[in-house]
PDB file of N, CA and C in Angstrom:
ATOM      1  N   MET A   1     120.327   0.655-164.891  1.00  0.00           N
ATOM      2  CA  MET A   1     119.776  -1.241-164.754  1.00  0.00           C
ATOM      3  C   MET A   1     121.079  -1.343-163.388  1.00  0.00           C
ATOM      4  N   MET A   2     120.324  -2.583-162.633  1.00  0.00           N
ATOM      5  CA  MET A   2     121.276  -3.335-161.632  1.00  0.00           C
ATOM      6  C   MET A   2     121.443  -4.354-161.814  1.00  0.00           C
ATOM      7  N   PHE A   3     122.316  -5.204-162.676  1.00  0.00           N
ATOM      8  CA  PHE A   3     122.433  -6.510-162.958  1.00  0.00           C
ATOM      9  C   PHE A   3     122.692  -7.461-161.689  1.00  0.00           C
ATOM     10  N   TRP A   4     123.408  -6.754-160.603  1.00  0.00           N
ATOM     11  CA  TRP A   4     124.271  -7.217-160.187  1.00  0.00           C
ATOM     12  C   TRP A   4     123.361  -6.866-158.926  1.00  0.00           C
ATOM     13  N   TYR A   5     122.720  -6.201-158.442  1.00  0.00           N
ATOM     14  CA  TYR A   5     122.498  -5.840-157.104  1.00  0.00           C
ATOM     15  C   TYR A   5     121.998  -6.637-156.284  1.00  0.00           C
ATOM     16  N   GLY A   6     122.591  -6.506-154.944  1.00  0.00           N
ATOM     17  CA  GLY A   6     122.345  -7.267-153.977  1.00  0.00           C
ATOM     18  C   GLY A   6     122.887  -8.751-153.908  1.00  0.00           C
ATOM     19  N   GLY A   7     123.715  -9.110-155.646  1.00  0.00           N
ATOM     20  CA  GLY A   7     123.948 -10.461-155.036  1.00  0.00           C
ATOM     21  C   GLY A   7     125.336 -10.529-155.367  1.00  0.00           C
ATOM     22  N   HIS A   8     126.058 -12.099-154.953  1.00  0.00           N
ATOM     23  CA  HIS A   8     127.267 -11.749-155.413  1.00  0.00           C
ATOM     24  C   HIS A   8     127.915 -13.041-155.697  1.00  0.00           C
ATOM     25  N   LEU A   9     129.051 -12.955-156.872  1.00  0.00           N
ATOM     26  CA  LEU A   9     128.650 -14.219-156.767  1.00  0.00           C
ATOM     27  C   LEU A   9     129.732 -15.542-155.980  1.00  0.00           C
ATOM     28  N   VAL A  10     129.170 -16.020-155.799  1.00  0.00           N
ATOM     29  CA  VAL A  10     129.114 -17.247-154.411  1.00  0.00           C
ATOM     30  C   VAL A  10     130.102 -18.115-154.897  1.00  0.00           C
ATOM     31  N   PHE A  11     131.006 -18.998-154.192  1.00  0.00           N
ATOM     32  CA  PHE A  11     131.761 -19.606-153.984  1.00  0.00           C
ATOM     33  C   PHE A  11     131.557 -20.770-155.389  1.00  0.00           C
ATOM     34  N   TRP A  12     130.147 -21.472-155.087  1.00  0.00           N
ATOM     35  CA  TRP A  12     129.903 -22.498-156.098  1.00  0.00           C
ATOM     36  C   TRP A  12     130.060 -22.009-157.538  1.00  0.00           C
ATOM     37  N   GLN A  13     129.370 -20.856-157.538  1.00  0.00           N
ATOM     38  CA  GLN A  13     129.431 -20.321-159.120  1.00  0.00           C
ATOM     39  C   GLN A  13     130.982 -20.167-159.691  1.00  0.00           C
ATOM     40  N   ALA A  14     131.826 -19.618-158.628  1.00  0.00           N
ATOM     41  CA  ALA A  14     133.141 -19.233-159.072  1.00  0.00           C
ATOM     42  C   ALA A  14     134.142 -20.639-159.617  1.00  0.00           C
ATOM     43  N   SER A  15     133.625 -21.741-158.557  1.00  0.00           N
ATOM     44  CA  SER A  15     134.460 -22.983-158.625  1.00  0.00           C
ATOM     45  C   SER A  15     133.968 -23.573-160.424  1.00  0.00           C
ATOM     46  N   LEU A  16     132.193 -23.332-160.290  1.00  0.00           N
ATOM     47  CA  LEU A  16     131.628 -24.304-161.426  1.00  0.00           C
ATOM     48  C   LEU A  16     132.123 -23.075-162.811  1.00  0.00           C
ATOM     49  N   MET A  17     132.742 -21.798-162.680  1.00  0.00           N
ATOM     50  CA  MET A  17     133.191 -21.645-164.130  1.00  0.00           C
ATOM     51  C   MET A  17     134.463 -22.023-164.183  1.00  0.00           C
ATOM     52  N   TRP A  18     135.321 -22.490-163.089  1.00  0.00           N
ATOM     53  CA  TRP A  18     136.736 -22.659-163.111  1.00  0.00           C
ATOM     54  C   TRP A  18     136.755 -23.925-163.893  1.00  0.00           C
ATOM     55  N   VAL A  19     135.837 -24.959-163.133  1.00  0.00           N
ATOM     56  CA  VAL A  19     135.644 -26.499-163.896  1.00  0.00           C
ATOM     57  C   VAL A  19     135.226 -26.316-165.266  1.00  0.00           C
ATOM     58  N   ALA A  20     134.310 -25.334-165.723  1.00  0.00           N
ATOM     59  CA  ALA A  20     133.895 -25.294-167.229  1.00  0.00           C
ATOM     60  C   ALA A  20     135.411 -24.741-168.067  1.00  0.00           C
ATOM     61  N   MET A  21     136.188 -24.053-167.128  1.00  0.00           N
ATOM     62  CA  MET A  21     137.066 -23.301-168.193  1.00  0.00           C
ATOM     63  C   MET A  21     138.034 -24.375-168.355  1.00  0.00           C
ATOM     64  N   ILE A  22     138.979 -25.266-167.306  1.00  0.00           N
ATOM     65  CA  ILE A  22     139.633 -25.944-167.483  1.00  0.00           C
ATOM     66  C   ILE A  22     138.789 -27.718-168.184  1.00  0.00           C
ATOM     67  N   ALA A  23     137.563 -27.275-168.307  1.00  0.00           N
ATOM     68  CA  ALA A  23     137.243 -28.841-169.248  1.00  0.00           C
ATOM     69  C   ALA A  23     137.294 -28.511-170.388  1.00  0.00           C
ATOM     70  N   PHE A  24     137.053 -27.218-171.014  1.00  0.00           N
ATOM     71  CA  PHE A  24     136.340 -26.453-172.248  1.00  0.00           C
ATOM     72  C   PHE A  24     137.916 -26.555-173.143  1.00  0.00           C
ATOM     73  N   TRP A  25     139.086 -25.850-171.835  1.00  0.00           N
ATOM     74  CA  TRP A  25     140.757 -25.903-173.073  1.00  0.00           C
ATOM     75  C   TRP A  25     141.118 -27.197-172.804  1.00  0.00           C
ATOM     76  N   GLY A  26     140.698 -28.203-171.653  1.00  0.00           N
ATOM     77  CA  GLY A  26     141.329 -29.479-171.780  1.00  0.00           C
ATOM     78  C   GLY A  26     140.850 -30.279-173.476  1.00  0.00           C
ATOM     79  N   LEU A  27     139.134 -30.278-173.726  1.00  0.00           N
ATOM     80  CA  LEU A  27     138.879 -30.164-174.260  1.00  0.00           C
ATOM     81  C   LEU A  27     139.669 -29.920-175.985  1.00  0.00           C
ATOM     82  N   ILE A  28     139.843 -28.598-175.616  1.00  0.00           N
ATOM     83  CA  ILE A  28     140.659 -27.954-176.912  1.00  0.00           C
ATOM     84  C   ILE A  28     141.800 -28.452-176.905  1.00  0.00           C
ATOM     85  N   ALA A  29     142.926 -28.665-176.211  1.00  0.00           N
ATOM     86  CA  ALA A  29     143.915 -29.384-175.897  1.00  0.00           C
ATOM     87  C   ALA A  29     144.240 -30.750-176.689  1.00  0.00           C
ATOM     88  N   TRP A  30     142.997 -31.506-176.315  1.00  0.00           N
ATOM     89  CA  TRP A  30     143.022 -32.764-176.528  1.00  0.00           C
ATOM     90  C   TRP A  30     142.695 -32.684-177.970  1.00  0.00           C
ATOM     91  N   ALA A  31     142.048 -32.137-178.592  1.00  0.00           N
ATOM     92  CA  ALA A  31     141.506 -31.940-180.266  1.00  0.00           C
ATOM     93  C   ALA A  31     142.667 -31.687-180.954  1.00  0.00           C
ATOM     94  N   VAL A  32     143.738 -30.682-180.501  1.00  0.00           N
ATOM     95  CA  VAL A  32     144.767 -31.019-181.121  1.00  0.00           C
ATOM     96  C   VAL A  32     145.628 -31.966-181.080  1.00  0.00           C
ATOM     97  N   TYR A  33     146.017 -32.360-179.847  1.00  0.00           N
ATOM     98  CA  TYR A  33     146.640 -33.563-179.988  1.00  0.00           C
ATOM     99  C   TYR A  33     146.489 -34.263-181.207  1.00  0.00           C
ATOM    100  N   VAL A  34     144.983 -34.559-181.217  1.00  0.00           N
ATOM    101  CA  VAL A  34     144.583 -36.096-181.923  1.00  0.00           C
ATOM    102  C   VAL A  34     145.209 -35.502-183.417  1.00  0.00           C
ATOM    103  N   LEU A  35     144.514 -34.363-183.563  1.00  0.00           N
ATOM    104  CA  LEU A  35     144.710 -33.851-184.842  1.00  0.00           C
ATOM    105  C   LEU A  35     146.192 -33.674-185.518  1.00  0.00           C
ATOM    106  N   LEU A  36     147.435 -33.218-184.875  1.00  0.00           N
ATOM    107  CA  LEU A  36     148.626 -33.777-184.966  1.00  0.00           C
ATOM    108  C   LEU A  36     149.285 -34.692-185.385  1.00  0.00           C
ATOM    109  N   ALA A  37     148.634 -35.671-184.327  1.00  0.00           N
ATOM    110  CA  ALA A  37     148.988 -37.121-184.025  1.00  0.00           C
ATOM    111  C   ALA A  37     148.244 -37.921-185.713  1.00  0.00           C
ATOM    112  N   ARG A  38     147.353 -37.533-186.310  1.00  0.00           N
ATOM    113  CA  ARG A  38     147.097 -38.352-187.497  1.00  0.00           C
ATOM    114  C   ARG A  38     147.665 -37.562-188.393  1.00  0.00           C
ATOM    115  N   ALA A  39     147.820 -35.962-188.589  1.00  0.00           N
ATOM    116  CA  ALA A  39     148.422 -35.683-189.530  1.00  0.00           C
ATOM    117  C   ALA A  39     150.369 -36.074-190.201  1.00  0.00           C
ATOM    118  N   THR A  40     150.577 -36.011-188.519  1.00  0.00           N
ATOM    119  CA  THR A  40     151.924 -36.735-188.692  1.00  0.00           C
ATOM    120  C   THR A  40     152.076 -38.314-189.245  1.00  0.00           C
ATOM    121  N   GLN A  41     151.166 -38.982-188.561  1.00  0.00           N
ATOM    122  CA  GLN A  41     151.363 -40.454-188.661  1.00  0.00           C
ATOM    123  C   GLN A  41     150.806 -40.980-190.190  1.00  0.00           C
ATOM    124  N   GLY A  42     150.003 -39.847-190.922  1.00  0.00           N
ATOM    125  CA  GLY A  42     149.162 -40.667-192.268  1.00  0.00           C
ATOM    126  C   GLY A  42     148.224 -41.129-191.842  1.00  0.00           C
ATOM    127  N   PRO A  43     147.625 -41.302-193.034  1.00  0.00           N
ATOM    128  CA  PRO A  43     146.218 -41.806-193.148  1.00  0.00           C
ATOM    129  C   PRO A  43     146.969 -43.539-193.589  1.00  0.00           C
ATOM    130  N   GLY A  44     145.800 -44.331-192.391  1.00  0.00           N
ATOM    131  CA  GLY A  44     146.070 -45.884-192.466  1.00  0.00           C
ATOM    132  C   GLY A  44     147.169 -46.238-192.063  1.00  0.00           C
ATOM    133  N   HIS A  45     148.006 -45.695-191.586  1.00  0.00           N
ATOM    134  CA  HIS A  45     149.762 -45.868-191.276  1.00  0.00           C
ATOM    135  C   HIS A  45     149.799 -47.465-191.119  1.00  0.00           C
ATOM    136  N   ALA A  46     148.874 -48.047-190.098  1.00  0.00           N
ATOM    137  CA  ALA A  46     149.312 -48.963-189.581  1.00  0.00           C
ATOM    138  C   ALA A  46     148.201 -50.243-190.353  1.00  0.00           C
ATOM    139  N   ASP A  47     147.660 -49.962-190.972  1.00  0.00           N
ATOM    140  CA  ASP A  47     146.794 -50.732-192.170  1.00  0.00           C
ATOM    141  C   ASP A  47     147.602 -51.024-193.098  1.00  0.00           C
ATOM    142  N   HIS A  48     148.251 -50.040-193.646  1.00  0.00           N
ATOM    143  CA  HIS A  48     149.332 -49.711-194.973  1.00  0.00           C
ATOM    144  C   HIS A  48     150.614 -51.391-194.478  1.00  0.00           C
ATOM    145  N   SER A  49     150.990 -51.253-193.160  1.00  0.00           N
ATOM    146  CA  SER A  49     152.214 -51.886-193.142  1.00  0.00           C
ATOM    147  C   SER A  49     151.592 -53.367-192.392  1.00  0.00           C
ATOM    148  N   LEU A  50     150.261 -53.794-191.960  1.00  0.00           N
ATOM    149  CA  LEU A  50     149.562 -55.286-191.991  1.00  0.00           C
ATOM    150  C   LEU A  50     149.551 -55.422-193.674  1.00  0.00           C
ATOM    151  N   GLU A  51     149.100 -54.884-194.431  1.00  0.00           N
ATOM    152  CA  GLU A  51     148.555 -55.365-195.700  1.00  0.00           C
ATOM    153  C   GLU A  51     149.986 -55.911-196.172  1.00  0.00           C
ATOM    154  N   ALA A  52     151.128 -54.881-195.983  1.00  0.00           N
ATOM    155  CA  ALA A  52     152.088 -55.455-196.561  1.00  0.00           C
ATOM    156  C   ALA A  52     152.875 -56.728-196.461  1.00  0.00           C
ATOM    157  N   HIS A  53     152.984 -56.739-194.990  1.00  0.00           N
ATOM    158  CA  HIS A  53     152.898 -57.962-194.576  1.00  0.00           C
ATOM    159  C   HIS A  53     152.484 -58.863-195.030  1.00  0.00           C
ATOM    160  N   HIS A  54     151.303 -59.009-194.914  1.00  0.00           N
ATOM    161  CA  HIS A  54     150.079 -60.093-195.639  1.00  0.00           C
ATOM    162  C   HIS A  54     150.402 -60.413-197.059  1.00  0.00           C
ATOM    163  N   THR A  55     150.457 -59.456-198.062  1.00  0.00           N
ATOM    164  CA  THR A  55     151.298 -59.364-198.876  1.00  0.00           C
ATOM    165  C   THR A  55     152.436 -59.897-199.505  1.00  0.00           C
ATOM    166  N   ILE A  56     153.544 -59.838-198.769  1.00  0.00           N
ATOM    167  CA  ILE A  56     154.739 -60.677-199.249  1.00  0.00           C
ATOM    168  C   ILE A  56     154.837 -62.424-198.135  1.00  0.00           C
ATOM    169  N   ASP A  57     153.827 -62.472-197.294  1.00  0.00           N
ATOM    170  CA  ASP A  57     153.386 -63.603-197.147  1.00  0.00           C
ATOM    171  C   ASP A  57     152.553 -64.381-197.891  1.00  0.00           C
ATOM    172  N   GLN A  58     151.824 -63.716-198.514  1.00  0.00           N
ATOM    173  CA  GLN A  58     151.135 -64.451-199.634  1.00  0.00           C
ATOM    174  C   GLN A  58     152.033 -65.170-200.498  1.00  0.00           C
ATOM    175  N   ARG A  59     152.923 -63.752-201.019  1.00  0.00           N
ATOM    176  CA  ARG A  59     153.948 -63.786-202.303  1.00  0.00           C
ATOM    177  C   ARG A  59     154.625 -65.127-201.787  1.00  0.00           C
ATOM    178  N   LEU A  60     154.965 -65.602-200.704  1.00  0.00           N
ATOM    179  CA  LEU A  60     156.053 -66.447-200.422  1.00  0.00           C
ATOM    180  C   LEU A  60     155.450 -67.829-200.220  1.00  0.00           C
ATOM    181  N   ALA A  61     154.051 -67.738-199.973  1.00  0.00           N
ATOM    182  CA  ALA A  61     153.048 -69.048-199.923  1.00  0.00           C
ATOM    183  C   ALA A  61     153.059 -69.148-201.190  1.00  0.00           C
ATOM    184  N   ASN A  62     153.142 -68.407-202.386  1.00  0.00           N
ATOM    185  CA  ASN A  62     152.852 -69.032-203.717  1.00  0.00           C
ATOM    186  C   ASN A  62     153.819 -69.323-204.293  1.00  0.00           C
ATOM    187  N   GLY A  63     154.959 -68.957-203.931  1.00  0.00           N
ATOM    188  CA  GLY A  63     156.520 -69.408-204.218  1.00  0.00           C
ATOM    189  C   GLY A  63     156.886 -68.133-205.231  1.00  0.00           C
ATOM    190  N   GLU A  64     155.925 -67.063-205.407  1.00  0.00           N
ATOM    191  CA  GLU A  64     155.930 -65.917-206.180  1.00  0.00           C
ATOM    192  C   GLU A  64     158.032 -65.509-205.887  1.00  0.00           C
ATOM    193  N   ILE A  65     158.234 -65.536-204.683  1.00  0.00           N
ATOM    194  CA  ILE A  65     159.375 -65.118-204.235  1.00  0.00           C
ATOM    195  C   ILE A  65     160.284 -66.117-203.166  1.00  0.00           C
ATOM    196  N   ASN A  66     161.754 -65.685-203.521  1.00  0.00           N
ATOM    197  CA  ASN A  66     162.157 -67.329-202.015  1.00  0.00           C
ATOM    198  C   ASN A  66     162.433 -66.774-200.722  1.00  0.00           C
ATOM    199  N   LEU A  67     163.221 -66.825-200.108  1.00  0.00           N
ATOM    200  CA  LEU A  67     163.145 -66.614-198.587  1.00  0.00           C
ATOM    201  C   LEU A  67     164.210 -65.438-198.055  1.00  0.00           C
ATOM    202  N   GLU A  68     164.964 -65.267-199.312  1.00  0.00           N
ATOM    203  CA  GLU A  68     165.887 -64.244-199.390  1.00  0.00           C
ATOM    204  C   GLU A  68     165.159 -63.077-199.449  1.00  0.00           C
ATOM    205  N   GLU A  69     164.344 -63.034-200.475  1.00  0.00           N
ATOM    206  CA  GLU A  69     163.705 -62.120-200.959  1.00  0.00           C
ATOM    207  C   GLU A  69     162.750 -61.341-199.614  1.00  0.00           C
ATOM    208  N   TYR A  70     162.296 -62.579-199.390  1.00  0.00           N
ATOM    209  CA  TYR A  70     161.224 -62.345-198.430  1.00  0.00           C
ATOM    210  C   TYR A  70     161.772 -61.632-197.096  1.00  0.00           C
ATOM    211  N   GLN A  71     162.691 -61.976-196.533  1.00  0.00           N
ATOM    212  CA  GLN A  71     163.383 -61.499-195.524  1.00  0.00           C
ATOM    213  C   GLN A  71     163.931 -59.742-195.572  1.00  0.00           C
ATOM    214  N   SER A  72     164.354 -59.589-196.838  1.00  0.00           N
ATOM    215  CA  SER A  72     164.830 -58.249-197.582  1.00  0.00           C
ATOM    216  C   SER A  72     163.805 -57.455-197.465  1.00  0.00           C
ATOM    217  N   LEU A  73     162.711 -57.948-198.254  1.00  0.00           N
ATOM    218  CA  LEU A  73     161.270 -57.034-198.090  1.00  0.00           C
ATOM    219  C   LEU A  73     160.955 -56.746-196.836  1.00  0.00           C
ATOM    220  N   HIS A  74     161.144 -58.161-195.839  1.00  0.00           N
ATOM    221  CA  HIS A  74     160.395 -57.786-194.301  1.00  0.00           C
ATOM    222  C   HIS A  74     160.853 -56.587-193.689  1.00  0.00           C
ATOM    223  N   GLU A  75     162.372 -56.889-193.978  1.00  0.00           N
ATOM    224  CA  GLU A  75     162.910 -55.942-193.472  1.00  0.00           C
ATOM    225  C   GLU A  75     163.041 -54.381-193.814  1.00  0.00           C
ATOM    226  N   ALA A  76     162.532 -54.369-195.004  1.00  0.00           N
ATOM    227  CA  ALA A  76     162.353 -53.160-195.657  1.00  0.00           C
ATOM    228  C   ALA A  76     161.293 -52.662-195.304  1.00  0.00           C
ATOM    229  N   ILE A  77     160.038 -53.125-194.863  1.00  0.00           N
ATOM    230  CA  ILE A  77     158.939 -53.102-193.869  1.00  0.00           C
ATOM    231  C   ILE A  77     158.708 -52.594-192.863  1.00  0.00           C
ATOM    232  N   GLY A  78     159.709 -53.027-192.052  1.00  0.00           N
ATOM    233  CA  GLY A  78     159.533 -52.798-190.277  1.00  0.00           C
ATOM    234  C   GLY A  78     159.383 -54.273-189.660  1.00  0.00           C
ATOM    235  N   HIS A  79     159.717 -54.225-188.768  1.00  0.00           N
ATOM    236  CA  HIS A  79     159.903 -55.686-187.908  1.00  0.00           C
ATOM    237  C   HIS A  79     158.247 -55.153-187.140  1.00  0.00           C
ATOM    238  N   ARG A  80     157.623 -55.865-187.199  1.00  0.00           N
ATOM    239  CA  ARG A  80     156.126 -55.978-186.123  1.00  0.00           C
ATOM    240  C   ARG A  80     156.417 -57.414-186.106  1.00  0.00           C
ATOM    241  N   GLU A  81     156.335 -57.587-184.302  1.00  0.00           N
ATOM    242  CA  GLU A  81     155.348 -58.838-184.167  1.00  0.00           C
ATOM    243  C   GLU A  81     153.653 -59.405-184.847  1.00  0.00           C
ATOM    244  N   ARG A  82     153.304 -60.230-185.094  1.00  0.00           N
ATOM    245  CA  ARG A  82     152.452 -60.269-185.925  1.00  0.00           C
ATOM    246  C   ARG A  82     151.394 -61.544-185.225  1.00  0.00           C
ATOM    247  N   THR A  83     150.741 -61.545-184.605  1.00  0.00           N
ATOM    248  CA  THR A  83     149.947 -62.712-183.805  1.00  0.00           C
ATOM    249  C   THR A  83     148.617 -62.861-184.488  1.00  0.00           C
ATOM    250  N   SER A  84     147.999 -61.498-185.316  1.00  0.00           N
ATOM    251  CA  SER A  84     146.268 -61.518-185.536  1.00  0.00           C
ATOM    252  C   SER A  84     146.775 -61.677-186.864  1.00  0.00           C
ATOM    253  N   MET A  85     147.581 -61.844-187.161  1.00  0.00           N
ATOM    254  CA  MET A  85     147.574 -62.649-189.058  1.00  0.00           C
ATOM    255  C   MET A  85     147.481 -63.707-188.625  1.00  0.00           C
ATOM    256  N   GLY A  86     148.022 -64.646-187.731  1.00  0.00           N
ATOM    257  CA  GLY A  86     147.876 -66.214-188.434  1.00  0.00           C
ATOM    258  C   GLY A  86     148.878 -66.388-188.897  1.00  0.00           C
ATOM    259  N   SER A  87     150.007 -65.944-188.749  1.00  0.00           N
ATOM    260  CA  SER A  87     150.954 -66.524-189.759  1.00  0.00           C
ATOM    261  C   SER A  87     151.996 -67.002-188.238  1.00  0.00           C
ATOM    262  N   GLY A  88     152.573 -67.802-188.634  1.00  0.00           N
ATOM    263  CA  GLY A  88     153.515 -68.657-187.677  1.00  0.00           C
ATOM    264  C   GLY A  88     154.726 -67.641-187.480  1.00  0.00           C
ATOM    265  N   ILE A  89     155.193 -66.972-188.327  1.00  0.00           N
ATOM    266  CA  ILE A  89     156.487 -66.275-188.505  1.00  0.00           C
ATOM    267  C   ILE A  89     156.276 -64.905-187.332  1.00  0.00           C
ATOM    268  N   LYS A  90     157.043 -64.924-186.312  1.00  0.00           N
ATOM    269  CA  LYS A  90     157.401 -63.731-185.330  1.00  0.00           C
ATOM    270  C   LYS A  90     158.703 -63.334-185.354  1.00  0.00           C
ATOM    271  N   ARG A  91     158.973 -61.705-185.351  1.00  0.00           N
ATOM    272  CA  ARG A  91     160.542 -61.678-185.626  1.00  0.00           C
ATOM    273  C   ARG A  91     160.136 -60.569-184.815  1.00  0.00           C
TER     274      ARG A  91
END
């Protein structure tokens, strides 16, 4: 059996194999990065923070909490610039 009789690995074939291998390992590395980033961040990390800010905004607007409680809750949640929520408060 002579599988490679008369033929040699030409430059473009070797180059294509290297490109495919680099693309394959790059894809694997990207997938691992995405999985680790999601695992360490937790499910819906940004969504929960925005919901919490929206909730304390509503509680302040409804008069359920005063300004001091609002500020302490806001500090506990964390500072974020929120322009998408439509509130006029920016910290």
